[in-house]
Amino acid sequence: QPLSSLRHSNPQVAFARFPHPLGLSDTMRCTAAVVFTVAASAMEKNPIRRVVSLMQNMQKKIEAEAERDDALFAKFQCYCDKNSALTSESIKTGKAKIEQLESDIPEEQAQRTQTITELQQHKDDRAGANQAIEDGTSQRKKENKAFEEEAADIKANTAAIDQAVQAISKGMTGFLQTAQAKTVLAVLDKVDVMEDDKAAVKAFFQSGSSADLPASGEIVGILKTMSDEMNKRLDEITHNEQESLSNFNGLVAAKNKEIRAAQDAIEEKTERAGQLAVHITVLKNDLEETKSTLEEDEGYSAELAKNCETKAKEYDEI
């Protein structure tokens, strides 16, 4: 019979299948009473033969009863030995399982804690990369705005200087009263030229005359130098703008790569943390069930041992 069904059955019911060993002496007394009653009646007809015959029949019945009781007790002893062994093995297995579960649960809890910590780190990494792109984008806009403004200013100034050079070279005195001429004067304070040259240009423009060709030629030379310097500055800031844009694009590409890696890790760690949470719950339930089963097995084992010992003593006393 399976251990599970035996464990949940009443051992008293199981033992009820085996007759009480003392039942043998009760049978003998009853048989003997009948024999002597019949013998007393039979002795009137053939006392000796009938008594002997009755005694022989009684002995056969007693021997048959004894053999039957021995066979039943042997089955009972086998029942005790078999179920005791099965229960002992079940208890041993249960204790080993409990020990393993009590080791596995804290280990998996530690793994889940570590996974959650790593998950948060990946989230922080993703947020940091996004913030770096946002900060970089803001800085790039500022740099580009400054470049566009300075480049536009340089282009406007060089255009005014070029017009002044052409007008002065052609002897156009009317140019000195134009807005472009005023622009050239304003540019003088922004470019890196010698103070004497600045003074000469200012004096020329303020005199209102371009008839003096040697003076005009000198002014044209100074203005061309100013234009060249401003074009160099334009080339410089254009190069810087291109380099800054390239660096920004590289930053964005690198940070987007970090974001994708962080996102993949977040999805993986989120799934892993969930799996561990479910498995920990399963292990805890398994631990409680195993403890409950062990308690039942130990109770059944104790009751089985007690009843088997009691029946064995009763049998030995016959």
Protein backbone atom coordinates (compact mmCIF):
# COMPACT_ATOMS: atom_id res chain seq x y z
CA GLN A 1 0.00 0.00 0.00
CA PRO A 2 1.46 3.49 -0.93
CA LEU A 3 2.98 5.52 1.90
CA SER A 4 0.81 8.55 1.07
CA SER A 5 -2.42 6.58 1.60
CA LEU A 6 -1.05 4.94 4.76
CA ARG A 7 0.08 8.26 6.19
CA HIS A 8 -3.40 9.73 5.82
CA SER A 9 -5.16 6.63 7.12
CA ASN A 10 -5.77 5.78 10.75
CA PRO A 11 -3.11 3.27 11.85
CA GLN A 12 -5.67 1.83 14.27
CA VAL A 13 -7.83 0.87 11.28
CA ALA A 14 -4.82 -0.68 9.57
CA PHE A 15 -4.01 -2.75 12.66
CA ALA A 16 -7.65 -3.84 13.00
CA ARG A 17 -7.08 -6.22 10.06
CA PHE A 18 -4.81 -8.28 12.28
CA PRO A 19 -6.63 -10.32 15.03
CA HIS A 20 -5.58 -9.74 18.58
CA PRO A 21 -2.94 -12.39 19.39
CA LEU A 22 -4.74 -13.20 22.65
CA GLY A 23 -7.68 -14.42 20.60
CA LEU A 24 -5.91 -17.81 20.35
CA SER A 25 -6.35 -18.60 24.05
CA ASP A 26 -10.03 -17.61 23.93
CA THR A 27 -10.58 -20.07 21.08
CA MET A 28 -8.84 -22.82 22.99
CA ARG A 29 -11.01 -22.27 26.04
CA CYS A 30 -14.20 -22.37 23.99
CA THR A 31 -13.09 -25.46 22.11
CA ALA A 32 -12.08 -27.20 25.28
CA ALA A 33 -15.43 -26.47 26.90
CA VAL A 34 -17.28 -27.96 23.94
CA VAL A 35 -15.00 -30.99 23.85
CA PHE A 36 -15.42 -31.79 27.51
CA THR A 37 -19.16 -31.33 27.29
CA VAL A 38 -19.40 -33.72 24.37
CA ALA A 39 -16.91 -36.06 26.00
CA ALA A 40 -18.97 -36.27 29.14
CA SER A 41 -21.94 -37.38 27.09
CA ALA A 42 -19.91 -39.72 24.91
CA MET A 43 -18.25 -41.46 27.80
CA GLU A 44 -21.52 -43.21 28.57
CA LYS A 45 -21.29 -45.07 25.24
CA ASN A 46 -17.52 -45.53 24.56
CA PRO A 47 -15.64 -43.43 27.05
CA ILE A 48 -11.99 -44.03 26.16
CA ARG A 49 -12.17 -44.04 22.36
CA ARG A 50 -14.48 -41.08 22.15
CA VAL A 51 -12.39 -38.99 24.55
CA VAL A 52 -9.22 -39.76 22.62
CA SER A 53 -10.92 -38.89 19.32
CA LEU A 54 -12.26 -35.64 20.69
CA MET A 55 -8.86 -34.69 22.12
CA GLN A 56 -7.16 -35.40 18.79
CA ASN A 57 -9.69 -33.25 16.92
CA MET A 58 -9.23 -30.48 19.45
CA GLN A 59 -5.44 -30.61 19.03
CA LYS A 60 -5.75 -30.31 15.24
CA LYS A 61 -8.01 -27.29 15.55
CA ILE A 62 -5.65 -25.66 18.02
CA GLU A 63 -2.67 -26.28 15.74
CA ALA A 64 -4.57 -24.86 12.75
CA GLU A 65 -5.50 -21.77 14.77
CA ALA A 66 -1.89 -21.29 15.82
CA GLU A 67 -0.66 -21.61 12.24
CA ARG A 68 -3.24 -19.07 11.09
CA ASP A 69 -2.24 -16.62 13.81
CA ASP A 70 1.45 -17.07 12.98
CA ALA A 71 0.74 -16.31 9.33
CA LEU A 72 -1.29 -13.22 10.24
CA PHE A 73 1.39 -11.95 12.58
CA ALA A 74 4.03 -12.49 9.88
CA LYS A 75 1.97 -10.33 7.52
CA PHE A 76 1.53 -7.79 10.28
CA GLN A 77 5.30 -7.74 10.92
CA CYS A 78 5.95 -7.29 7.20
CA TYR A 79 3.47 -4.41 7.17
CA CYS A 80 5.33 -2.74 10.05
CA ASP A 81 8.78 -3.23 8.55
CA LYS A 82 7.79 -2.07 5.07
CA ASN A 83 5.92 1.06 6.15
CA SER A 84 8.54 1.93 8.73
CA ALA A 85 11.21 1.84 6.02
CA LEU A 86 9.09 3.89 3.62
CA THR A 87 8.30 6.46 6.28
CA SER A 88 11.95 6.73 7.35
CA GLU A 89 13.02 7.30 3.75
CA SER A 90 10.31 9.92 3.26
CA ILE A 91 11.42 11.75 6.43
CA LYS A 92 15.06 11.65 5.33
CA THR A 93 14.16 13.01 1.89
CA GLY A 94 11.96 15.72 3.40
CA LYS A 95 14.70 16.92 5.77
CA ALA A 96 17.23 17.04 2.95
CA LYS A 97 14.81 18.98 0.76
CA ILE A 98 14.08 21.48 3.53
CA GLU A 99 17.79 22.04 4.06
CA GLN A 100 18.30 22.65 0.34
CA LEU A 101 15.32 24.99 0.08
CA GLU A 102 16.43 26.99 3.11
CA SER A 103 19.77 27.45 1.32
CA ASP A 104 18.32 28.21 -2.12
CA ILE A 105 15.78 30.84 -1.01
CA PRO A 106 18.30 33.32 0.53
CA GLU A 107 20.62 32.79 -2.41
CA GLU A 108 17.92 33.65 -4.94
CA GLN A 109 16.79 36.59 -2.80
CA ALA A 110 20.36 37.91 -2.91
CA GLN A 111 20.41 37.42 -6.70
CA ARG A 112 17.18 39.37 -7.05
CA THR A 113 18.50 42.19 -4.88
CA GLN A 114 21.64 42.35 -7.03
CA THR A 115 19.55 42.26 -10.20
CA ILE A 116 17.37 45.14 -8.98
CA THR A 117 20.51 47.14 -8.10
CA GLU A 118 21.92 46.53 -11.58
CA LEU A 119 18.56 47.40 -13.11
CA GLN A 120 18.57 50.77 -11.36
CA GLN A 121 22.14 51.39 -12.51
CA HIS A 122 21.13 50.74 -16.12
CA LYS A 123 18.22 53.15 -15.72
CA ASP A 124 20.60 55.76 -14.33
CA ASP A 125 22.97 55.16 -17.24
CA ARG A 126 20.16 55.64 -19.73
CA ALA A 127 19.01 58.82 -17.99
CA GLY A 128 22.61 60.09 -17.92
CA ALA A 129 23.06 59.46 -21.63
CA ASN A 130 19.79 61.23 -22.44
CA GLN A 131 20.83 64.15 -20.26
CA ALA A 132 24.21 64.31 -22.01
CA ILE A 133 22.45 64.54 -25.38
CA GLU A 134 20.10 67.19 -24.06
CA ASP A 135 22.97 69.25 -22.60
CA GLY A 136 25.04 68.76 -25.74
CA THR A 137 22.14 69.83 -27.93
CA SER A 138 21.63 72.98 -25.87
CA GLN A 139 25.34 73.83 -26.06
CA ARG A 140 25.41 73.09 -29.80
CA LYS A 141 22.54 75.50 -30.39
CA LYS A 142 24.37 78.23 -28.47
CA GLU A 143 27.59 77.63 -30.38
CA ASN A 144 25.80 77.57 -33.72
CA LYS A 145 23.90 80.76 -32.91
CA ALA A 146 27.15 82.52 -31.97
CA PHE A 147 28.75 81.26 -35.20
CA GLU A 148 25.86 82.36 -37.38
CA GLU A 149 25.81 85.81 -35.82
CA GLU A 150 29.56 86.34 -36.12
CA ALA A 151 29.70 84.89 -39.64
CA ALA A 152 26.84 87.14 -40.74
CA ASP A 153 28.56 90.14 -39.17
CA ILE A 154 31.86 89.33 -40.88
CA LYS A 155 30.19 88.84 -44.24
CA ALA A 156 28.35 92.12 -43.93
CA ASN A 157 31.52 93.97 -42.92
CA THR A 158 33.68 92.48 -45.67
CA ALA A 159 30.95 93.31 -48.18
CA ALA A 160 31.00 96.95 -47.00
CA ILE A 161 34.80 97.04 -47.12
CA ASP A 162 34.84 95.56 -50.62
CA GLN A 163 32.36 98.22 -51.79
CA ALA A 164 34.53 100.91 -50.17
CA VAL A 165 37.62 99.59 -51.94
CA GLN A 166 35.85 99.63 -55.29
CA ALA A 167 34.41 103.14 -54.72
CA ILE A 168 37.70 104.63 -53.51
CA SER A 169 39.60 103.00 -56.36
CA LYS A 170 37.19 104.63 -58.84
CA GLY A 171 37.39 108.03 -57.10
CA MET A 172 33.71 108.00 -56.07
CA THR A 173 33.65 110.76 -53.44
CA GLY A 174 29.95 110.30 -52.85
CA PHE A 175 30.62 106.91 -51.28
CA LEU A 176 32.06 108.53 -48.18
CA GLN A 177 28.61 109.76 -47.19
CA THR A 178 26.90 106.34 -47.61
CA ALA A 179 25.84 103.82 -44.92
CA GLN A 180 28.57 101.43 -46.17
CA ALA A 181 31.20 104.08 -45.34
CA LYS A 182 29.82 104.38 -41.82
CA THR A 183 29.98 100.59 -41.55
CA VAL A 184 33.66 100.63 -42.51
CA LEU A 185 34.38 103.17 -39.80
CA ALA A 186 32.55 101.01 -37.25
CA VAL A 187 34.54 97.95 -38.29
CA LEU A 188 37.85 99.70 -37.58
CA ASP A 189 37.43 99.13 -33.85
CA LYS A 190 36.71 95.40 -34.37
CA VAL A 191 39.69 94.36 -36.47
CA ASP A 192 43.31 93.82 -35.49
CA VAL A 193 45.17 96.55 -37.44
CA MET A 194 47.81 99.07 -36.46
CA GLU A 195 46.57 102.18 -34.72
CA ASP A 196 48.25 104.42 -37.32
CA ASP A 197 46.33 102.61 -40.07
CA LYS A 198 43.08 103.02 -38.18
CA ALA A 199 43.78 106.74 -37.74
CA ALA A 200 44.60 107.14 -41.44
CA VAL A 201 41.35 105.45 -42.53
CA LYS A 202 39.28 107.55 -40.12
CA ALA A 203 40.97 110.75 -41.26
CA PHE A 204 40.39 109.80 -44.92
CA PHE A 205 36.72 109.04 -44.45
CA GLN A 206 36.14 112.14 -42.33
CA SER A 207 37.87 114.44 -44.84
CA GLY A 208 35.22 113.65 -47.42
CA SER A 209 37.73 113.63 -50.29
CA SER A 210 39.30 110.85 -52.37
CA ALA A 211 41.08 113.01 -54.89
CA ASP A 212 44.46 112.50 -53.29
CA LEU A 213 45.42 109.30 -55.09
CA PRO A 214 48.48 108.40 -53.03
CA ALA A 215 46.38 108.69 -49.90
CA SER A 216 43.56 106.75 -51.54
CA GLY A 217 45.95 103.99 -52.53
CA GLU A 218 47.20 103.71 -48.98
CA ILE A 219 43.64 103.55 -47.65
CA VAL A 220 42.71 100.88 -50.19
CA GLY A 221 45.65 98.79 -49.05
CA ILE A 222 44.61 99.12 -45.42
CA LEU A 223 41.01 98.21 -46.24
CA LYS A 224 42.10 95.13 -48.22
CA THR A 225 44.23 94.05 -45.27
CA MET A 226 41.21 94.47 -43.02
CA SER A 227 39.10 92.39 -45.41
CA ASP A 228 41.73 89.67 -45.53
CA GLU A 229 41.91 89.52 -41.73
CA MET A 230 38.16 89.29 -41.46
CA ASN A 231 38.01 86.52 -44.07
CA LYS A 232 40.66 84.63 -42.12
CA ARG A 233 38.50 84.98 -39.04
CA LEU A 234 35.52 83.71 -41.01
CA ASP A 235 37.52 80.68 -42.15
CA GLU A 236 38.61 80.08 -38.55
CA ILE A 237 35.15 80.19 -37.03
CA THR A 238 33.75 78.12 -39.92
CA HIS A 239 36.35 75.45 -39.24
CA ASN A 240 35.55 75.57 -35.53
CA GLU A 241 31.84 75.29 -36.27
CA GLN A 242 32.35 72.24 -38.47
CA GLU A 243 34.58 70.62 -35.84
CA SER A 244 32.08 71.40 -33.09
CA LEU A 245 29.25 69.95 -35.18
CA SER A 246 31.29 66.81 -35.86
CA ASN A 247 32.04 66.40 -32.15
CA PHE A 248 28.38 66.88 -31.31
CA ASN A 249 27.29 64.27 -33.85
CA GLY A 250 29.89 61.87 -32.43
CA LEU A 251 28.60 62.52 -28.90
CA VAL A 252 25.00 61.89 -29.94
CA ALA A 253 25.94 58.67 -31.75
CA ALA A 254 27.92 57.39 -28.74
CA LYS A 255 25.18 58.31 -26.26
CA ASN A 256 22.49 56.75 -28.44
CA LYS A 257 24.54 53.56 -28.46
CA GLU A 258 24.74 53.70 -24.65
CA ILE A 259 20.99 54.28 -24.46
CA ARG A 260 20.26 51.23 -26.63
CA ALA A 261 22.62 49.07 -24.56
CA ALA A 262 21.08 50.35 -21.34
CA GLN A 263 17.57 49.72 -22.67
CA ASP A 264 18.44 46.14 -23.62
CA ALA A 265 19.93 45.59 -20.17
CA ILE A 266 16.87 47.13 -18.51
CA GLU A 267 14.54 44.77 -20.35
CA GLU A 268 16.74 41.79 -19.51
CA LYS A 269 17.12 42.70 -15.82
CA THR A 270 13.41 43.49 -15.48
CA GLU A 271 12.52 40.06 -16.85
CA ARG A 272 15.15 38.37 -14.66
CA ALA A 273 13.94 40.16 -11.52
CA GLY A 274 10.38 39.03 -12.28
CA GLN A 275 11.44 35.44 -12.86
CA LEU A 276 13.37 35.39 -9.60
CA ALA A 277 10.41 36.83 -7.70
CA VAL A 278 8.13 34.10 -9.04
CA HIS A 279 10.68 31.35 -8.35
CA ILE A 280 11.28 32.59 -4.80
CA THR A 281 7.53 32.42 -4.16
CA VAL A 282 7.44 28.88 -5.56
CA LEU A 283 10.37 27.85 -3.35
CA LYS A 284 8.74 29.34 -0.24
CA ASN A 285 5.49 27.49 -0.95
CA ASP A 286 7.43 24.30 -1.57
CA LEU A 287 9.25 24.79 1.75
CA GLU A 288 5.99 25.18 3.69
CA GLU A 289 4.44 22.14 2.00
CA THR A 290 7.55 20.06 2.64
CA LYS A 291 7.60 21.05 6.33
CA SER A 292 3.92 20.14 6.63
CA THR A 293 4.50 16.77 4.93
CA LEU A 294 7.50 16.09 7.17
CA GLU A 295 5.43 16.80 10.26
CA GLU A 296 2.77 14.36 9.08
CA ASP A 297 5.38 11.72 8.27
CA GLU A 298 7.02 12.06 11.68
CA GLY A 299 3.64 11.79 13.43
CA TYR A 300 2.68 8.75 11.41
CA SER A 301 6.10 7.16 12.00
CA ALA A 302 5.82 7.60 15.77
CA GLU A 303 2.31 6.13 15.89
CA LEU A 304 3.31 3.27 13.60
CA ALA A 305 6.29 2.38 15.78
CA LYS A 306 4.19 2.52 18.95
CA ASN A 307 1.41 0.26 17.60
CA CYS A 308 3.83 -2.20 16.04
CA GLU A 309 5.73 -2.51 19.31
CA THR A 310 2.50 -3.00 21.29
CA LYS A 311 1.24 -5.76 18.98
CA ALA A 312 4.62 -7.50 19.02
CA LYS A 313 4.65 -7.58 22.84
CA GLU A 314 1.11 -8.97 22.95
CA TYR A 315 2.08 -11.71 20.51
CA ASP A 316 5.20 -12.61 22.50
CA GLU A 317 3.12 -13.03 25.69
CA ILE A 318 1.02 -15.86 24.23
